[in-house]
Amino acid sequence: MLAQRRYEDARRLAVESRGILSESLPEDSWQVAAAMNVEGAALAGTGQFKDAEQLLLASRAALGQAPIPDLAEKGRLRLLQLYTEWGKPDEANKYRSGS
């Protein structure tokens, strides 16, 4: 849905998924973080940069613990995209090199 720019649909499903996951997993689990990250990306897509930033940053550490390496990389790229679109090049540069 994110790739199709269906941001509201992606956000709605991410919020729903996060709620369901939070019922049985700790808030700092990578699964909850993955749903939070998708929600942040969807908010960024609609220009809600400040709210998106909070979710993307909050999910970053847990994504690094995921057994799926692509999740941490997606999280990094979403922060890079957020700051680029938000017009914050100094912040974007922090995520440009894969750090």
N, C-alpha and C. Protein backbone atom coordinates (compact mmCIF):
# COMPACT_ATOMS: atom_id res chain seq x y z
N MET A 1 0.82 -1.19 0.00
CA MET A 1 0.00 0.00 0.00
C MET A 1 0.87 1.27 0.00
N LEU A 2 2.00 1.20 0.71
CA LEU A 2 2.90 2.35 0.70
C LEU A 2 3.43 2.60 -0.70
N ALA A 3 3.83 1.52 -1.38
CA ALA A 3 4.37 1.66 -2.73
C ALA A 3 3.33 2.21 -3.70
N GLN A 4 2.07 1.93 -3.42
CA GLN A 4 0.97 2.42 -4.26
C GLN A 4 0.49 3.80 -3.81
N ARG A 5 1.13 4.35 -2.80
CA ARG A 5 0.77 5.65 -2.24
C ARG A 5 -0.65 5.68 -1.65
N ARG A 6 -1.05 4.54 -1.15
CA ARG A 6 -2.34 4.42 -0.47
C ARG A 6 -2.07 4.59 1.03
N TYR A 7 -1.65 5.79 1.38
CA TYR A 7 -1.14 6.06 2.72
C TYR A 7 -2.18 5.90 3.81
N GLU A 8 -3.37 6.33 3.58
CA GLU A 8 -4.41 6.20 4.61
C GLU A 8 -4.75 4.74 4.87
N ASP A 9 -4.82 3.94 3.80
CA ASP A 9 -5.08 2.51 3.96
C ASP A 9 -3.93 1.84 4.71
N ALA A 10 -2.70 2.18 4.33
CA ALA A 10 -1.53 1.61 5.00
C ALA A 10 -1.50 1.99 6.47
N ARG A 11 -1.81 3.22 6.76
CA ARG A 11 -1.82 3.69 8.15
C ARG A 11 -2.87 2.96 8.96
N ARG A 12 -4.06 2.85 8.41
CA ARG A 12 -5.17 2.19 9.11
C ARG A 12 -4.80 0.74 9.45
N LEU A 13 -4.25 0.02 8.50
CA LEU A 13 -3.87 -1.37 8.75
C LEU A 13 -2.70 -1.48 9.72
N ALA A 14 -1.76 -0.55 9.64
CA ALA A 14 -0.63 -0.56 10.57
C ALA A 14 -1.09 -0.31 12.00
N VAL A 15 -2.00 0.63 12.18
CA VAL A 15 -2.54 0.91 13.52
C VAL A 15 -3.28 -0.32 14.05
N GLU A 16 -4.08 -0.93 13.19
CA GLU A 16 -4.82 -2.13 13.60
C GLU A 16 -3.85 -3.26 13.95
N SER A 17 -2.85 -3.47 13.12
CA SER A 17 -1.86 -4.52 13.37
C SER A 17 -1.10 -4.27 14.67
N ARG A 18 -0.70 -3.04 14.86
CA ARG A 18 0.03 -2.68 16.07
C ARG A 18 -0.81 -2.96 17.32
N GLY A 19 -2.09 -2.65 17.27
CA GLY A 19 -2.97 -2.92 18.40
C GLY A 19 -3.08 -4.41 18.70
N ILE A 20 -3.24 -5.19 17.66
CA ILE A 20 -3.36 -6.64 17.84
C ILE A 20 -2.05 -7.22 18.38
N LEU A 21 -0.92 -6.80 17.80
CA LEU A 21 0.38 -7.31 18.25
C LEU A 21 0.67 -6.90 19.69
N SER A 22 0.29 -5.70 20.05
CA SER A 22 0.56 -5.19 21.40
C SER A 22 -0.20 -5.95 22.48
N GLU A 23 -1.25 -6.65 22.10
CA GLU A 23 -2.00 -7.44 23.07
C GLU A 23 -1.23 -8.66 23.55
N SER A 24 -0.32 -9.16 22.70
CA SER A 24 0.38 -10.40 23.08
C SER A 24 1.91 -10.27 23.09
N LEU A 25 2.43 -9.15 22.64
CA LEU A 25 3.88 -8.96 22.59
C LEU A 25 4.27 -7.69 23.34
N PRO A 26 5.50 -7.63 23.82
CA PRO A 26 5.96 -6.40 24.48
C PRO A 26 5.99 -5.23 23.49
N GLU A 27 5.79 -4.04 24.00
CA GLU A 27 5.79 -2.84 23.15
C GLU A 27 7.10 -2.66 22.41
N ASP A 28 8.21 -3.16 22.98
CA ASP A 28 9.52 -2.98 22.34
C ASP A 28 9.90 -4.16 21.44
N SER A 29 8.95 -5.02 21.11
CA SER A 29 9.23 -6.14 20.20
C SER A 29 9.42 -5.62 18.78
N TRP A 30 10.17 -6.36 17.99
CA TRP A 30 10.41 -5.93 16.62
C TRP A 30 9.13 -5.98 15.79
N GLN A 31 8.20 -6.88 16.14
CA GLN A 31 6.95 -6.98 15.39
C GLN A 31 6.09 -5.73 15.58
N VAL A 32 5.99 -5.27 16.82
CA VAL A 32 5.25 -4.04 17.09
C VAL A 32 5.96 -2.87 16.42
N ALA A 33 7.29 -2.87 16.48
CA ALA A 33 8.07 -1.80 15.86
C ALA A 33 7.88 -1.77 14.34
N ALA A 34 7.75 -2.93 13.73
CA ALA A 34 7.54 -2.98 12.28
C ALA A 34 6.21 -2.33 11.90
N ALA A 35 5.16 -2.60 12.68
CA ALA A 35 3.86 -1.97 12.42
C ALA A 35 3.96 -0.46 12.67
N MET A 36 4.66 -0.08 13.72
CA MET A 36 4.84 1.34 14.04
C MET A 36 5.60 2.04 12.92
N ASN A 37 6.59 1.36 12.34
CA ASN A 37 7.38 1.94 11.27
C ASN A 37 6.55 2.16 10.01
N VAL A 38 5.69 1.21 9.70
CA VAL A 38 4.80 1.38 8.54
C VAL A 38 3.84 2.54 8.79
N GLU A 39 3.34 2.64 9.99
CA GLU A 39 2.47 3.77 10.33
C GLU A 39 3.21 5.09 10.14
N GLY A 40 4.45 5.14 10.59
CA GLY A 40 5.26 6.35 10.42
C GLY A 40 5.49 6.68 8.96
N ALA A 41 5.78 5.67 8.17
CA ALA A 41 5.99 5.89 6.73
C ALA A 41 4.71 6.40 6.07
N ALA A 42 3.58 5.88 6.48
CA ALA A 42 2.30 6.34 5.92
C ALA A 42 2.04 7.79 6.30
N LEU A 43 2.33 8.15 7.54
CA LEU A 43 2.16 9.55 7.96
C LEU A 43 3.08 10.47 7.18
N ALA A 44 4.30 10.03 6.95
CA ALA A 44 5.24 10.83 6.17
C ALA A 44 4.70 11.05 4.76
N GLY A 45 4.08 10.01 4.21
CA GLY A 45 3.52 10.11 2.87
C GLY A 45 2.41 11.14 2.75
N THR A 46 1.75 11.42 3.87
CA THR A 46 0.68 12.42 3.85
C THR A 46 1.18 13.79 4.35
N GLY A 47 2.48 13.89 4.56
CA GLY A 47 3.05 15.18 4.97
C GLY A 47 2.98 15.47 6.46
N GLN A 48 2.62 14.48 7.26
CA GLN A 48 2.57 14.64 8.71
C GLN A 48 3.94 14.28 9.30
N PHE A 49 4.92 15.11 8.97
CA PHE A 49 6.31 14.79 9.23
C PHE A 49 6.65 14.64 10.71
N LYS A 50 6.15 15.51 11.54
CA LYS A 50 6.49 15.46 12.96
C LYS A 50 5.99 14.17 13.61
N ASP A 51 4.75 13.80 13.33
CA ASP A 51 4.20 12.56 13.87
C ASP A 51 4.93 11.35 13.29
N ALA A 52 5.26 11.42 12.01
CA ALA A 52 6.00 10.34 11.36
C ALA A 52 7.38 10.17 12.00
N GLU A 53 8.03 11.28 12.25
CA GLU A 53 9.37 11.24 12.84
C GLU A 53 9.34 10.50 14.18
N GLN A 54 8.37 10.81 15.02
CA GLN A 54 8.28 10.17 16.33
C GLN A 54 8.17 8.65 16.20
N LEU A 55 7.33 8.19 15.31
CA LEU A 55 7.14 6.76 15.14
C LEU A 55 8.35 6.09 14.51
N LEU A 56 8.92 6.72 13.50
CA LEU A 56 10.07 6.13 12.82
C LEU A 56 11.27 6.03 13.75
N LEU A 57 11.51 7.07 14.54
CA LEU A 57 12.63 7.04 15.49
C LEU A 57 12.37 6.03 16.61
N ALA A 58 11.14 5.99 17.11
CA ALA A 58 10.81 5.08 18.21
C ALA A 58 10.93 3.62 17.80
N SER A 59 10.72 3.32 16.54
CA SER A 59 10.76 1.93 16.08
C SER A 59 12.16 1.48 15.66
N ARG A 60 13.07 2.40 15.51
CA ARG A 60 14.40 2.09 14.95
C ARG A 60 15.18 1.04 15.75
N ALA A 61 15.30 1.19 17.04
CA ALA A 61 16.11 0.26 17.83
C ALA A 61 15.56 -1.16 17.76
N ALA A 62 14.26 -1.31 17.91
CA ALA A 62 13.66 -2.65 17.88
C ALA A 62 13.80 -3.30 16.51
N LEU A 63 13.74 -2.51 15.45
CA LEU A 63 13.90 -3.07 14.11
C LEU A 63 15.30 -3.64 13.93
N GLY A 64 16.27 -3.03 14.60
CA GLY A 64 17.63 -3.54 14.54
C GLY A 64 17.78 -4.91 15.19
N GLN A 65 16.83 -5.30 16.02
CA GLN A 65 16.85 -6.60 16.68
C GLN A 65 16.05 -7.66 15.91
N ALA A 66 15.43 -7.26 14.82
CA ALA A 66 14.58 -8.19 14.06
C ALA A 66 15.43 -9.25 13.37
N PRO A 67 14.91 -10.48 13.28
CA PRO A 67 15.63 -11.54 12.56
C PRO A 67 15.56 -11.36 11.04
N ILE A 68 14.90 -10.31 10.60
CA ILE A 68 14.77 -10.02 9.17
C ILE A 68 15.59 -8.76 8.89
N PRO A 69 16.79 -8.90 8.33
CA PRO A 69 17.68 -7.75 8.15
C PRO A 69 17.08 -6.60 7.35
N ASP A 70 16.21 -6.89 6.43
CA ASP A 70 15.61 -5.85 5.60
C ASP A 70 14.81 -4.83 6.41
N LEU A 71 14.29 -5.25 7.55
CA LEU A 71 13.46 -4.34 8.34
C LEU A 71 14.26 -3.15 8.86
N ALA A 72 15.45 -3.40 9.36
CA ALA A 72 16.29 -2.30 9.85
C ALA A 72 16.67 -1.38 8.70
N GLU A 73 16.96 -1.94 7.56
CA GLU A 73 17.32 -1.14 6.38
C GLU A 73 16.14 -0.31 5.90
N LYS A 74 14.96 -0.89 5.89
CA LYS A 74 13.76 -0.12 5.52
C LYS A 74 13.54 1.03 6.49
N GLY A 75 13.76 0.77 7.77
CA GLY A 75 13.62 1.82 8.76
C GLY A 75 14.58 2.97 8.52
N ARG A 76 15.82 2.64 8.18
CA ARG A 76 16.82 3.66 7.86
C ARG A 76 16.41 4.45 6.63
N LEU A 77 16.00 3.76 5.60
CA LEU A 77 15.62 4.44 4.36
C LEU A 77 14.38 5.31 4.54
N ARG A 78 13.48 4.87 5.39
CA ARG A 78 12.28 5.68 5.65
C ARG A 78 12.64 6.96 6.38
N LEU A 79 13.60 6.91 7.29
CA LEU A 79 14.06 8.13 7.96
C LEU A 79 14.77 9.05 6.97
N LEU A 80 15.58 8.48 6.11
CA LEU A 80 16.25 9.27 5.07
C LEU A 80 15.23 9.97 4.19
N GLN A 81 14.22 9.24 3.75
CA GLN A 81 13.18 9.82 2.91
C GLN A 81 12.39 10.89 3.65
N LEU A 82 12.05 10.62 4.91
CA LEU A 82 11.31 11.58 5.71
C LEU A 82 12.05 12.91 5.77
N TYR A 83 13.31 12.87 6.17
CA TYR A 83 14.06 14.11 6.35
C TYR A 83 14.34 14.80 5.01
N THR A 84 14.49 14.02 3.95
CA THR A 84 14.69 14.62 2.64
C THR A 84 13.44 15.38 2.20
N GLU A 85 12.29 14.73 2.33
CA GLU A 85 11.03 15.36 1.93
C GLU A 85 10.64 16.51 2.85
N TRP A 86 11.07 16.45 4.09
CA TRP A 86 10.75 17.47 5.09
C TRP A 86 11.67 18.68 4.94
N GLY A 87 12.69 18.54 4.11
CA GLY A 87 13.63 19.65 3.90
C GLY A 87 14.62 19.80 5.04
N LYS A 88 15.04 18.68 5.63
CA LYS A 88 16.02 18.69 6.71
C LYS A 88 17.25 17.90 6.27
N PRO A 89 18.08 18.51 5.41
CA PRO A 89 19.22 17.77 4.84
C PRO A 89 20.24 17.30 5.87
N ASP A 90 20.46 18.07 6.93
CA ASP A 90 21.43 17.63 7.95
C ASP A 90 20.96 16.36 8.64
N GLU A 91 19.67 16.28 8.92
CA GLU A 91 19.13 15.07 9.53
C GLU A 91 19.16 13.91 8.52
N ALA A 92 18.82 14.20 7.27
CA ALA A 92 18.83 13.16 6.23
C ALA A 92 20.22 12.55 6.08
N ASN A 93 21.24 13.37 6.16
CA ASN A 93 22.62 12.88 5.99
C ASN A 93 23.01 11.86 7.05
N LYS A 94 22.40 11.95 8.22
CA LYS A 94 22.70 10.98 9.28
C LYS A 94 22.29 9.56 8.86
N TYR A 95 21.35 9.44 7.93
CA TYR A 95 20.84 8.14 7.53
C TYR A 95 21.22 7.78 6.09
N ARG A 96 22.01 8.62 5.48
CA ARG A 96 22.38 8.41 4.08
C ARG A 96 23.36 7.25 3.89
N SER A 97 24.29 7.06 4.79
CA SER A 97 25.37 6.10 4.56
C SER A 97 25.10 4.70 5.13
N GLY A 98 23.92 4.46 5.60
CA GLY A 98 23.61 3.15 6.14
C GLY A 98 23.97 2.99 7.59
N SER A 99 24.18 4.12 8.27
CA SER A 99 24.55 4.02 9.69
C SER A 99 23.34 3.90 10.57
